[in-house]
Amino acid sequence: MPDRILGPNDECRCHLGLWLERQKTKYSIPSKIDRLHHELHQMLRDAHSLSLNSEDADSIGRRLMALNEQLMAQLYQWIRDRG
């Protein structure tokens, strides 16, 4: 795992978190983006602490990918709407 992913408040220190923090000086960040970002980090922390068999790992991997896709879609929409 890269640095700034699994720590207790790493959603504030990861690359996306830092970028979002800079955006907050100019724009209001939609709460759904913030929620999805925090949820993604929490899911990664939870998964990292488990001993997973391959089936569980595949399931969690699919859930992580789906959550990440939701986050990216929300970010894309927000950026596009800002013009």
C-alpha atoms as a PDB file:
ATOM      1  CA  MET A   1       0.000   0.000   0.000  1.00  0.00           C
ATOM      2  CA  PRO A   2       1.237   3.484  -0.770  1.00  0.00           C
ATOM      3  CA  ASP A   3       1.968   5.896   2.055  1.00  0.00           C
ATOM      4  CA  ARG A   4      -0.919   8.025   3.320  1.00  0.00           C
ATOM      5  CA  ILE A   5      -3.614   5.409   2.743  1.00  0.00           C
ATOM      6  CA  LEU A   6      -4.116   3.298   5.868  1.00  0.00           C
ATOM      7  CA  GLY A   7      -3.509   5.668   8.765  1.00  0.00           C
ATOM      8  CA  PRO A   8      -6.351   6.937  10.947  1.00  0.00           C
ATOM      9  CA  ASN A   9      -6.647  10.319   9.209  1.00  0.00           C
ATOM     10  CA  ASP A  10      -4.875   9.586   5.951  1.00  0.00           C
ATOM     11  CA  GLU A  11      -7.843  10.694   3.860  1.00  0.00           C
ATOM     12  CA  CYS A  12      -6.669  14.213   4.781  1.00  0.00           C
ATOM     13  CA  ARG A  13      -3.068  13.450   3.756  1.00  0.00           C
ATOM     14  CA  CYS A  14      -3.399  11.347   0.587  1.00  0.00           C
ATOM     15  CA  HIS A  15      -2.976  12.999  -2.818  1.00  0.00           C
ATOM     16  CA  LEU A  16      -6.721  13.345  -3.362  1.00  0.00           C
ATOM     17  CA  GLY A  17      -7.271  14.610   0.166  1.00  0.00           C
ATOM     18  CA  LEU A  18      -4.601  17.276  -0.250  1.00  0.00           C
ATOM     19  CA  TRP A  19      -6.052  18.314  -3.619  1.00  0.00           C
ATOM     20  CA  LEU A  20      -9.568  18.509  -2.172  1.00  0.00           C
ATOM     21  CA  GLU A  21      -8.280  20.613   0.708  1.00  0.00           C
ATOM     22  CA  ARG A  22      -6.775  23.104  -1.769  1.00  0.00           C
ATOM     23  CA  GLN A  23     -10.081  23.207  -3.667  1.00  0.00           C
ATOM     24  CA  LYS A  24     -11.958  24.087  -0.481  1.00  0.00           C
ATOM     25  CA  THR A  25     -10.333  27.518  -0.511  1.00  0.00           C
ATOM     26  CA  LYS A  26     -12.235  28.280  -3.753  1.00  0.00           C
ATOM     27  CA  TYR A  27     -15.172  25.874  -3.944  1.00  0.00           C
ATOM     28  CA  SER A  28     -17.619  23.989  -1.820  1.00  0.00           C
ATOM     29  CA  ILE A  29     -16.865  20.264  -2.003  1.00  0.00           C
ATOM     30  CA  PRO A  30     -20.021  18.171  -2.413  1.00  0.00           C
ATOM     31  CA  SER A  31     -20.659  16.102   0.711  1.00  0.00           C
ATOM     32  CA  LYS A  32     -21.037  12.934  -1.398  1.00  0.00           C
ATOM     33  CA  ILE A  33     -17.432  13.283  -2.625  1.00  0.00           C
ATOM     34  CA  ASP A  34     -16.171  13.756   0.907  1.00  0.00           C
ATOM     35  CA  ARG A  35     -18.220  10.795   2.159  1.00  0.00           C
ATOM     36  CA  LEU A  36     -17.088   8.450  -0.639  1.00  0.00           C
ATOM     37  CA  HIS A  37     -13.451   9.449  -0.102  1.00  0.00           C
ATOM     38  CA  HIS A  38     -13.629   8.726   3.634  1.00  0.00           C
ATOM     39  CA  GLU A  39     -15.532   5.480   2.996  1.00  0.00           C
ATOM     40  CA  LEU A  40     -12.873   4.298   0.549  1.00  0.00           C
ATOM     41  CA  HIS A  41     -10.095   4.877   3.076  1.00  0.00           C
ATOM     42  CA  GLN A  42     -12.080   3.134   5.808  1.00  0.00           C
ATOM     43  CA  MET A  43     -12.739   0.130   3.580  1.00  0.00           C
ATOM     44  CA  LEU A  44      -9.007  -0.084   2.788  1.00  0.00           C
ATOM     45  CA  ARG A  45      -8.106   0.104   6.491  1.00  0.00           C
ATOM     46  CA  ASP A  46     -10.652  -2.602   7.325  1.00  0.00           C
ATOM     47  CA  ALA A  47      -9.501  -4.891   4.498  1.00  0.00           C
ATOM     48  CA  HIS A  48      -5.834  -4.435   5.372  1.00  0.00           C
ATOM     49  CA  SER A  49      -6.399  -5.697   8.903  1.00  0.00           C
ATOM     50  CA  LEU A  50      -8.126  -8.921   7.798  1.00  0.00           C
ATOM     51  CA  SER A  51      -6.646 -12.265   6.863  1.00  0.00           C
ATOM     52  CA  LEU A  52      -8.426 -12.895   3.588  1.00  0.00           C
ATOM     53  CA  ASN A  53      -8.806 -15.970   1.474  1.00  0.00           C
ATOM     54  CA  SER A  54      -8.822 -15.388  -2.277  1.00  0.00           C
ATOM     55  CA  GLU A  55     -12.629 -15.343  -2.498  1.00  0.00           C
ATOM     56  CA  ASP A  56     -12.923 -12.685   0.209  1.00  0.00           C
ATOM     57  CA  ALA A  57     -10.095 -10.698  -1.344  1.00  0.00           C
ATOM     58  CA  ASP A  58     -11.825 -10.799  -4.740  1.00  0.00           C
ATOM     59  CA  SER A  59     -15.089  -9.636  -3.186  1.00  0.00           C
ATOM     60  CA  ILE A  60     -13.451  -6.779  -1.302  1.00  0.00           C
ATOM     61  CA  GLY A  61     -11.457  -5.864  -4.403  1.00  0.00           C
ATOM     62  CA  ARG A  62     -14.656  -5.605  -6.444  1.00  0.00           C
ATOM     63  CA  ARG A  63     -16.293  -3.478  -3.731  1.00  0.00           C
ATOM     64  CA  LEU A  64     -13.251  -1.209  -3.573  1.00  0.00           C
ATOM     65  CA  MET A  65     -13.243  -0.804  -7.355  1.00  0.00           C
ATOM     66  CA  ALA A  66     -16.981  -0.014  -7.388  1.00  0.00           C
ATOM     67  CA  LEU A  67     -16.575   2.557  -4.617  1.00  0.00           C
ATOM     68  CA  ASN A  68     -13.608   4.115  -6.383  1.00  0.00           C
ATOM     69  CA  GLU A  69     -15.595   4.316  -9.623  1.00  0.00           C
ATOM     70  CA  GLN A  70     -18.420   6.090  -7.776  1.00  0.00           C
ATOM     71  CA  LEU A  71     -15.950   8.555  -6.298  1.00  0.00           C
ATOM     72  CA  MET A  72     -14.307   9.224  -9.660  1.00  0.00           C
ATOM     73  CA  ALA A  73     -17.700   9.728 -11.336  1.00  0.00           C
ATOM     74  CA  GLN A  74     -18.724  12.224  -8.645  1.00  0.00           C
ATOM     75  CA  LEU A  75     -15.399  14.068  -8.974  1.00  0.00           C
ATOM     76  CA  TYR A  76     -15.708  14.182 -12.765  1.00  0.00           C
ATOM     77  CA  GLN A  77     -19.269  15.526 -12.547  1.00  0.00           C
ATOM     78  CA  TRP A  78     -18.319  18.142  -9.955  1.00  0.00           C
ATOM     79  CA  ILE A  79     -15.332  19.351 -11.990  1.00  0.00           C
ATOM     80  CA  ARG A  80     -17.396  19.421 -15.178  1.00  0.00           C
ATOM     81  CA  ASP A  81     -20.222  21.343 -13.497  1.00  0.00           C
ATOM     82  CA  ARG A  82     -17.800  23.981 -12.213  1.00  0.00           C
ATOM     83  CA  GLY A  83     -17.006  24.801 -15.833  1.00  0.00           C
END
